[in-house]
Amino acid sequence: MSPHARNASSSLMVIVLNNILLAYGGGDVAIALFGVANRFMFTFMPMYGIVQGLQPIVGFNYGTRNFSRVMDSVKLSMLITTAMVILGFALLLVFPEQLFSIFTTDQQLISSGKSATRIMVMALPLVGFQVVGASLYQAIGKTRPSFVLAMSRQLLFLIPLVIILPHFFQLTGVWMAFPLSDSLSFLLTLVMVLREFKILTNMGESIAS
């Protein structure tokens, strides 16, 4: 259900965002801008490959009660995915104009996309941690926290922020919603993962004793 919920919330987010952009962005240019910016997410596909590879390792070691290896695997995956995201973040931050020019020759779109992209990606270095944290719960069969984390970024945080912030900051508020939702979902994931690590540590110590 967690991957399904993530995909469903992505579709809902696009529907809401397109309507908000139409209302506050002055028409098709803002919608096209988001469409191009959204294509940049392909730079993070390797991160999801790491997560897919992590899940059977975590699930197997959790089943054999090797909790230290579960935590070590998750920590290593968080480091690797964060490094990947930071690389993509640097490219989007430094070269947004050049990346936009790959998809369009519209100078107005390129100029607007440059500033919008730099706002949208400000908290991207936190995404790797959040994605791995959500996959941890999926791998060990804890459906409720996995579902909550899968929904947190887009449904719990991004969509409400996209609806609220434009009332105060107009179109800029739409772009601000992305780093704010990334930051909030990161904090939620951090609290939950630290709590889960404490549980796993205590379980490992009880087995050793």
C-alpha atoms as a PDB file:
ATOM      1  CA  MET A   1       0.000   0.000   0.000  1.00  0.00           C
ATOM      2  CA  SER A   2       2.858   2.423   0.702  1.00  0.00           C
ATOM      3  CA  PRO A   3       4.178   2.599  -2.898  1.00  0.00           C
ATOM      4  CA  HIS A   4       0.580   2.729  -4.141  1.00  0.00           C
ATOM      5  CA  ALA A   5      -0.197   5.599  -1.751  1.00  0.00           C
ATOM      6  CA  ARG A   6       2.951   7.427  -2.850  1.00  0.00           C
ATOM      7  CA  ASN A   7       1.971   7.165  -6.521  1.00  0.00           C
ATOM      8  CA  ALA A   8      -1.629   8.143  -5.832  1.00  0.00           C
ATOM      9  CA  SER A   9      -0.573  11.174  -3.796  1.00  0.00           C
ATOM     10  CA  SER A  10       1.781  12.206  -6.626  1.00  0.00           C
ATOM     11  CA  SER A  11      -1.124  12.206  -9.058  1.00  0.00           C
ATOM     12  CA  LEU A  12      -3.297  14.186  -6.648  1.00  0.00           C
ATOM     13  CA  MET A  13      -0.450  16.636  -6.063  1.00  0.00           C
ATOM     14  CA  VAL A  14      -0.131  17.311  -9.813  1.00  0.00           C
ATOM     15  CA  ILE A  15      -3.883  17.913 -10.125  1.00  0.00           C
ATOM     16  CA  VAL A  16      -3.914  20.364  -7.207  1.00  0.00           C
ATOM     17  CA  LEU A  17      -0.705  22.063  -8.306  1.00  0.00           C
ATOM     18  CA  ASN A  18      -1.885  22.612 -11.883  1.00  0.00           C
ATOM     19  CA  ASN A  19      -5.072  24.272 -10.639  1.00  0.00           C
ATOM     20  CA  ILE A  20      -3.159  26.470  -8.183  1.00  0.00           C
ATOM     21  CA  LEU A  21      -0.662  27.451 -10.883  1.00  0.00           C
ATOM     22  CA  LEU A  22      -3.499  28.292 -13.242  1.00  0.00           C
ATOM     23  CA  ALA A  23      -5.014  30.557 -10.584  1.00  0.00           C
ATOM     24  CA  TYR A  24      -1.844  32.278  -9.353  1.00  0.00           C
ATOM     25  CA  GLY A  25       0.685  31.751 -12.116  1.00  0.00           C
ATOM     26  CA  GLY A  26      -0.963  33.629 -14.932  1.00  0.00           C
ATOM     27  CA  GLY A  27      -1.785  30.653 -17.138  1.00  0.00           C
ATOM     28  CA  ASP A  28       0.088  28.095 -19.162  1.00  0.00           C
ATOM     29  CA  VAL A  29       3.625  29.401 -18.583  1.00  0.00           C
ATOM     30  CA  ALA A  30       3.667  28.472 -14.891  1.00  0.00           C
ATOM     31  CA  ILE A  31       2.167  25.041 -15.619  1.00  0.00           C
ATOM     32  CA  ALA A  32       4.755  24.434 -18.326  1.00  0.00           C
ATOM     33  CA  LEU A  33       7.458  25.606 -15.926  1.00  0.00           C
ATOM     34  CA  PHE A  34       6.456  23.007 -13.358  1.00  0.00           C
ATOM     35  CA  GLY A  35       6.217  20.360 -16.068  1.00  0.00           C
ATOM     36  CA  VAL A  36       9.809  20.981 -17.109  1.00  0.00           C
ATOM     37  CA  ALA A  37      11.069  21.236 -13.515  1.00  0.00           C
ATOM     38  CA  ASN A  38       9.323  17.968 -12.660  1.00  0.00           C
ATOM     39  CA  ARG A  39      11.290  16.219 -15.402  1.00  0.00           C
ATOM     40  CA  PHE A  40      14.499  16.987 -13.520  1.00  0.00           C
ATOM     41  CA  MET A  41      13.469  14.369 -10.967  1.00  0.00           C
ATOM     42  CA  PHE A  42      14.933  11.735 -13.297  1.00  0.00           C
ATOM     43  CA  THR A  43      18.295  12.685 -11.773  1.00  0.00           C
ATOM     44  CA  PHE A  44      17.153  10.963  -8.568  1.00  0.00           C
ATOM     45  CA  MET A  45      16.103   7.645 -10.102  1.00  0.00           C
ATOM     46  CA  PRO A  46      19.341   5.915  -8.961  1.00  0.00           C
ATOM     47  CA  MET A  47      18.329   6.769  -5.393  1.00  0.00           C
ATOM     48  CA  TYR A  48      15.183   4.671  -5.774  1.00  0.00           C
ATOM     49  CA  GLY A  49      17.313   1.840  -7.144  1.00  0.00           C
ATOM     50  CA  ILE A  50      19.317   1.869  -3.923  1.00  0.00           C
ATOM     51  CA  VAL A  51      16.098   1.780  -1.912  1.00  0.00           C
ATOM     52  CA  GLN A  52      14.759  -1.185  -3.891  1.00  0.00           C
ATOM     53  CA  GLY A  53      18.001  -3.047  -3.245  1.00  0.00           C
ATOM     54  CA  LEU A  54      17.937  -2.156   0.441  1.00  0.00           C
ATOM     55  CA  GLN A  55      14.513  -3.598   1.205  1.00  0.00           C
ATOM     56  CA  PRO A  56      15.273  -7.344   0.803  1.00  0.00           C
ATOM     57  CA  ILE A  57      18.509  -6.935   2.777  1.00  0.00           C
ATOM     58  CA  VAL A  58      16.681  -5.229   5.632  1.00  0.00           C
ATOM     59  CA  GLY A  59      13.766  -7.670   5.490  1.00  0.00           C
ATOM     60  CA  PHE A  60      16.026 -10.738   5.563  1.00  0.00           C
ATOM     61  CA  ASN A  61      18.184  -9.495   8.442  1.00  0.00           C
ATOM     62  CA  TYR A  62      15.161  -8.321  10.407  1.00  0.00           C
ATOM     63  CA  GLY A  63      13.642 -11.770   9.996  1.00  0.00           C
ATOM     64  CA  THR A  64      16.839 -13.434  11.267  1.00  0.00           C
ATOM     65  CA  ARG A  65      16.924 -10.909  14.151  1.00  0.00           C
ATOM     66  CA  ASN A  66      20.243  -9.460  13.014  1.00  0.00           C
ATOM     67  CA  PHE A  67      19.186  -5.962  14.034  1.00  0.00           C
ATOM     68  CA  SER A  68      22.671  -4.418  13.959  1.00  0.00           C
ATOM     69  CA  ARG A  69      22.967  -5.283  10.261  1.00  0.00           C
ATOM     70  CA  VAL A  70      19.526  -3.788   9.644  1.00  0.00           C
ATOM     71  CA  MET A  71      20.658  -0.493  11.118  1.00  0.00           C
ATOM     72  CA  ASP A  72      24.047  -0.586   9.383  1.00  0.00           C
ATOM     73  CA  SER A  73      22.366  -1.217   6.013  1.00  0.00           C
ATOM     74  CA  VAL A  74      19.933   1.639   6.528  1.00  0.00           C
ATOM     75  CA  LYS A  75      22.684   4.053   7.606  1.00  0.00           C
ATOM     76  CA  LEU A  76      24.834   3.156   4.584  1.00  0.00           C
ATOM     77  CA  SER A  77      21.878   3.589   2.233  1.00  0.00           C
ATOM     78  CA  MET A  78      21.112   6.965   3.777  1.00  0.00           C
ATOM     79  CA  LEU A  79      24.682   8.107   3.168  1.00  0.00           C
ATOM     80  CA  ILE A  80      24.684   6.896  -0.441  1.00  0.00           C
ATOM     81  CA  THR A  81      21.281   8.322  -1.342  1.00  0.00           C
ATOM     82  CA  THR A  82      22.106  11.628   0.343  1.00  0.00           C
ATOM     83  CA  ALA A  83      25.324  11.856  -1.692  1.00  0.00           C
ATOM     84  CA  MET A  84      23.326  11.179  -4.871  1.00  0.00           C
ATOM     85  CA  VAL A  85      20.747  13.809  -4.013  1.00  0.00           C
ATOM     86  CA  ILE A  86      23.403  16.389  -3.135  1.00  0.00           C
ATOM     87  CA  LEU A  87      24.974  15.869  -6.564  1.00  0.00           C
ATOM     88  CA  GLY A  88      21.616  16.387  -8.260  1.00  0.00           C
ATOM     89  CA  PHE A  89      20.927  19.359  -5.993  1.00  0.00           C
ATOM     90  CA  ALA A  90      24.217  20.985  -7.010  1.00  0.00           C
ATOM     91  CA  LEU A  91      23.443  20.541 -10.712  1.00  0.00           C
ATOM     92  CA  LEU A  92      19.956  22.015 -10.363  1.00  0.00           C
ATOM     93  CA  LEU A  93      21.191  24.888  -8.212  1.00  0.00           C
ATOM     94  CA  VAL A  94      24.125  25.882 -10.418  1.00  0.00           C
ATOM     95  CA  PHE A  95      22.832  25.056 -13.908  1.00  0.00           C
ATOM     96  CA  PRO A  96      19.024  25.503 -13.915  1.00  0.00           C
ATOM     97  CA  GLU A  97      19.069  27.707 -17.010  1.00  0.00           C
ATOM     98  CA  GLN A  98      21.114  25.210 -19.012  1.00  0.00           C
ATOM     99  CA  LEU A  99      18.911  22.321 -17.897  1.00  0.00           C
ATOM    100  CA  PHE A 100      15.732  24.186 -18.825  1.00  0.00           C
ATOM    101  CA  SER A 101      17.144  24.941 -22.267  1.00  0.00           C
ATOM    102  CA  ILE A 102      17.306  21.184 -22.944  1.00  0.00           C
ATOM    103  CA  PHE A 103      13.497  20.999 -22.838  1.00  0.00           C
ATOM    104  CA  THR A 104      12.443  24.391 -24.199  1.00  0.00           C
ATOM    105  CA  THR A 105      13.637  27.361 -26.243  1.00  0.00           C
ATOM    106  CA  ASP A 106      11.119  29.753 -24.675  1.00  0.00           C
ATOM    107  CA  GLN A 107      13.265  32.440 -23.043  1.00  0.00           C
ATOM    108  CA  GLN A 108      10.482  33.565 -20.701  1.00  0.00           C
ATOM    109  CA  LEU A 109      10.068  29.995 -19.486  1.00  0.00           C
ATOM    110  CA  ILE A 110      13.819  29.562 -19.048  1.00  0.00           C
ATOM    111  CA  SER A 111      14.155  32.822 -17.128  1.00  0.00           C
ATOM    112  CA  SER A 112      11.209  32.072 -14.835  1.00  0.00           C
ATOM    113  CA  GLY A 113      12.315  28.471 -14.370  1.00  0.00           C
ATOM    114  CA  LYS A 114      15.772  29.499 -13.217  1.00  0.00           C
ATOM    115  CA  SER A 115      14.543  31.252 -10.058  1.00  0.00           C
ATOM    116  CA  ALA A 116      11.684  28.812  -9.421  1.00  0.00           C
ATOM    117  CA  THR A 117      13.955  25.779  -9.596  1.00  0.00           C
ATOM    118  CA  ARG A 118      16.439  27.262  -7.148  1.00  0.00           C
ATOM    119  CA  ILE A 119      13.626  27.755  -4.627  1.00  0.00           C
ATOM    120  CA  MET A 120      12.134  24.305  -5.168  1.00  0.00           C
ATOM    121  CA  VAL A 121      15.392  22.387  -4.643  1.00  0.00           C
ATOM    122  CA  MET A 122      16.622  24.122  -1.485  1.00  0.00           C
ATOM    123  CA  ALA A 123      15.792  21.150   0.778  1.00  0.00           C
ATOM    124  CA  LEU A 124      16.494  18.339  -1.694  1.00  0.00           C
ATOM    125  CA  PRO A 125      19.568  17.086   0.230  1.00  0.00           C
ATOM    126  CA  LEU A 126      17.098  15.881   2.880  1.00  0.00           C
ATOM    127  CA  VAL A 127      15.060  13.705   0.497  1.00  0.00           C
ATOM    128  CA  GLY A 128      17.405  10.708   0.472  1.00  0.00           C
ATOM    129  CA  PHE A 129      17.062  10.267   4.215  1.00  0.00           C
ATOM    130  CA  GLN A 130      13.279  10.509   4.034  1.00  0.00           C
ATOM    131  CA  VAL A 131      12.914   7.951   1.225  1.00  0.00           C
ATOM    132  CA  VAL A 132      15.190   5.420   2.940  1.00  0.00           C
ATOM    133  CA  GLY A 133      13.398   5.953   6.258  1.00  0.00           C
ATOM    134  CA  ALA A 134      10.038   5.167   4.676  1.00  0.00           C
ATOM    135  CA  SER A 135      11.424   2.042   2.996  1.00  0.00           C
ATOM    136  CA  LEU A 136      12.770   0.792   6.356  1.00  0.00           C
ATOM    137  CA  TYR A 137       9.255   0.394   7.723  1.00  0.00           C
ATOM    138  CA  GLN A 138       8.029  -1.182   4.514  1.00  0.00           C
ATOM    139  CA  ALA A 139      10.866  -3.735   4.622  1.00  0.00           C
ATOM    140  CA  ILE A 140      10.229  -4.792   8.222  1.00  0.00           C
ATOM    141  CA  GLY A 141       6.471  -5.069   7.739  1.00  0.00           C
ATOM    142  CA  LYS A 142       5.355  -2.109   9.848  1.00  0.00           C
ATOM    143  CA  THR A 143       2.602  -0.905   7.589  1.00  0.00           C
ATOM    144  CA  ARG A 144       1.217   2.056   9.515  1.00  0.00           C
ATOM    145  CA  PRO A 145       4.452   4.090   9.878  1.00  0.00           C
ATOM    146  CA  SER A 146       5.442   3.109   6.333  1.00  0.00           C
ATOM    147  CA  PHE A 147       2.115   4.433   5.047  1.00  0.00           C
ATOM    148  CA  VAL A 148       2.407   7.659   7.064  1.00  0.00           C
ATOM    149  CA  LEU A 149       5.921   8.388   5.796  1.00  0.00           C
ATOM    150  CA  ALA A 150       5.011   7.508   2.216  1.00  0.00           C
ATOM    151  CA  MET A 151       2.166  10.021   2.377  1.00  0.00           C
ATOM    152  CA  SER A 152       3.934  12.682   4.453  1.00  0.00           C
ATOM    153  CA  ARG A 153       5.807  14.692   1.850  1.00  0.00           C
ATOM    154  CA  GLN A 154       3.116  15.134  -0.781  1.00  0.00           C
ATOM    155  CA  LEU A 155      -0.233  14.558   0.878  1.00  0.00           C
ATOM    156  CA  LEU A 156       0.292  15.647   4.491  1.00  0.00           C
ATOM    157  CA  PHE A 157       2.617  18.595   3.835  1.00  0.00           C
ATOM    158  CA  LEU A 158       3.026  19.604   0.190  1.00  0.00           C
ATOM    159  CA  ILE A 159      -0.616  19.813  -0.894  1.00  0.00           C
ATOM    160  CA  PRO A 160      -1.765  21.894   2.135  1.00  0.00           C
ATOM    161  CA  LEU A 161       1.244  24.205   1.745  1.00  0.00           C
ATOM    162  CA  VAL A 162       0.612  24.603  -1.989  1.00  0.00           C
ATOM    163  CA  ILE A 163      -2.953  25.649  -1.192  1.00  0.00           C
ATOM    164  CA  ILE A 164      -2.103  27.980   1.720  1.00  0.00           C
ATOM    165  CA  LEU A 165       1.151  29.744   0.791  1.00  0.00           C
ATOM    166  CA  PRO A 166       0.034  31.354  -2.507  1.00  0.00           C
ATOM    167  CA  HIS A 167      -2.529  33.367  -0.545  1.00  0.00           C
ATOM    168  CA  PHE A 168       0.424  35.168   1.074  1.00  0.00           C
ATOM    169  CA  PHE A 169       3.268  34.901  -1.477  1.00  0.00           C
ATOM    170  CA  GLN A 170       1.443  34.432  -4.779  1.00  0.00           C
ATOM    171  CA  LEU A 171       3.318  32.225  -7.276  1.00  0.00           C
ATOM    172  CA  THR A 172       6.490  32.230  -5.152  1.00  0.00           C
ATOM    173  CA  GLY A 173       4.490  30.532  -2.418  1.00  0.00           C
ATOM    174  CA  VAL A 174       3.931  27.534  -4.691  1.00  0.00           C
ATOM    175  CA  TRP A 175       7.674  27.044  -5.145  1.00  0.00           C
ATOM    176  CA  MET A 176       8.300  27.634  -1.413  1.00  0.00           C
ATOM    177  CA  ALA A 177       5.963  24.761  -0.577  1.00  0.00           C
ATOM    178  CA  PHE A 178       8.444  22.220  -1.963  1.00  0.00           C
ATOM    179  CA  PRO A 179      11.439  22.866   0.347  1.00  0.00           C
ATOM    180  CA  LEU A 180       9.109  23.371   3.317  1.00  0.00           C
ATOM    181  CA  SER A 181       7.372  20.026   2.738  1.00  0.00           C
ATOM    182  CA  ASP A 182      10.748  18.313   2.253  1.00  0.00           C
ATOM    183  CA  SER A 183      11.972  19.773   5.550  1.00  0.00           C
ATOM    184  CA  LEU A 184       8.847  18.785   7.472  1.00  0.00           C
ATOM    185  CA  SER A 185       8.818  15.234   6.112  1.00  0.00           C
ATOM    186  CA  PHE A 186      12.521  14.947   6.957  1.00  0.00           C
ATOM    187  CA  LEU A 187      11.870  15.956  10.568  1.00  0.00           C
ATOM    188  CA  LEU A 188       8.998  13.495  10.854  1.00  0.00           C
ATOM    189  CA  THR A 189      11.133  10.710   9.374  1.00  0.00           C
ATOM    190  CA  LEU A 190      14.059  11.570  11.646  1.00  0.00           C
ATOM    191  CA  VAL A 191      11.914  11.293  14.787  1.00  0.00           C
ATOM    192  CA  MET A 192      10.389   7.995  13.691  1.00  0.00           C
ATOM    193  CA  VAL A 193      13.643   6.404  12.511  1.00  0.00           C
ATOM    194  CA  LEU A 194      15.504   7.357  15.693  1.00  0.00           C
ATOM    195  CA  ARG A 195      12.712   5.792  17.717  1.00  0.00           C
ATOM    196  CA  GLU A 196      12.827   2.642  15.578  1.00  0.00           C
ATOM    197  CA  PHE A 197      16.615   2.405  15.931  1.00  0.00           C
ATOM    198  CA  LYS A 198      16.204   2.597  19.700  1.00  0.00           C
ATOM    199  CA  ILE A 199      13.709  -0.267  19.555  1.00  0.00           C
ATOM    200  CA  LEU A 200      16.026  -2.332  17.353  1.00  0.00           C
ATOM    201  CA  THR A 201      18.985  -1.648  19.675  1.00  0.00           C
ATOM    202  CA  ASN A 202      17.006  -2.768  22.715  1.00  0.00           C
ATOM    203  CA  MET A 203      15.825  -5.899  20.908  1.00  0.00           C
ATOM    204  CA  GLY A 204      19.404  -6.719  19.907  1.00  0.00           C
ATOM    205  CA  GLU A 205      20.640  -6.256  23.461  1.00  0.00           C
ATOM    206  CA  SER A 206      17.887  -8.514  24.844  1.00  0.00           C
ATOM    207  CA  ILE A 207      18.878 -11.264  22.391  1.00  0.00           C
ATOM    208  CA  ALA A 208      22.570 -10.920  23.294  1.00  0.00           C
ATOM    209  CA  SER A 209      21.797 -11.191  27.012  1.00  0.00           C
END
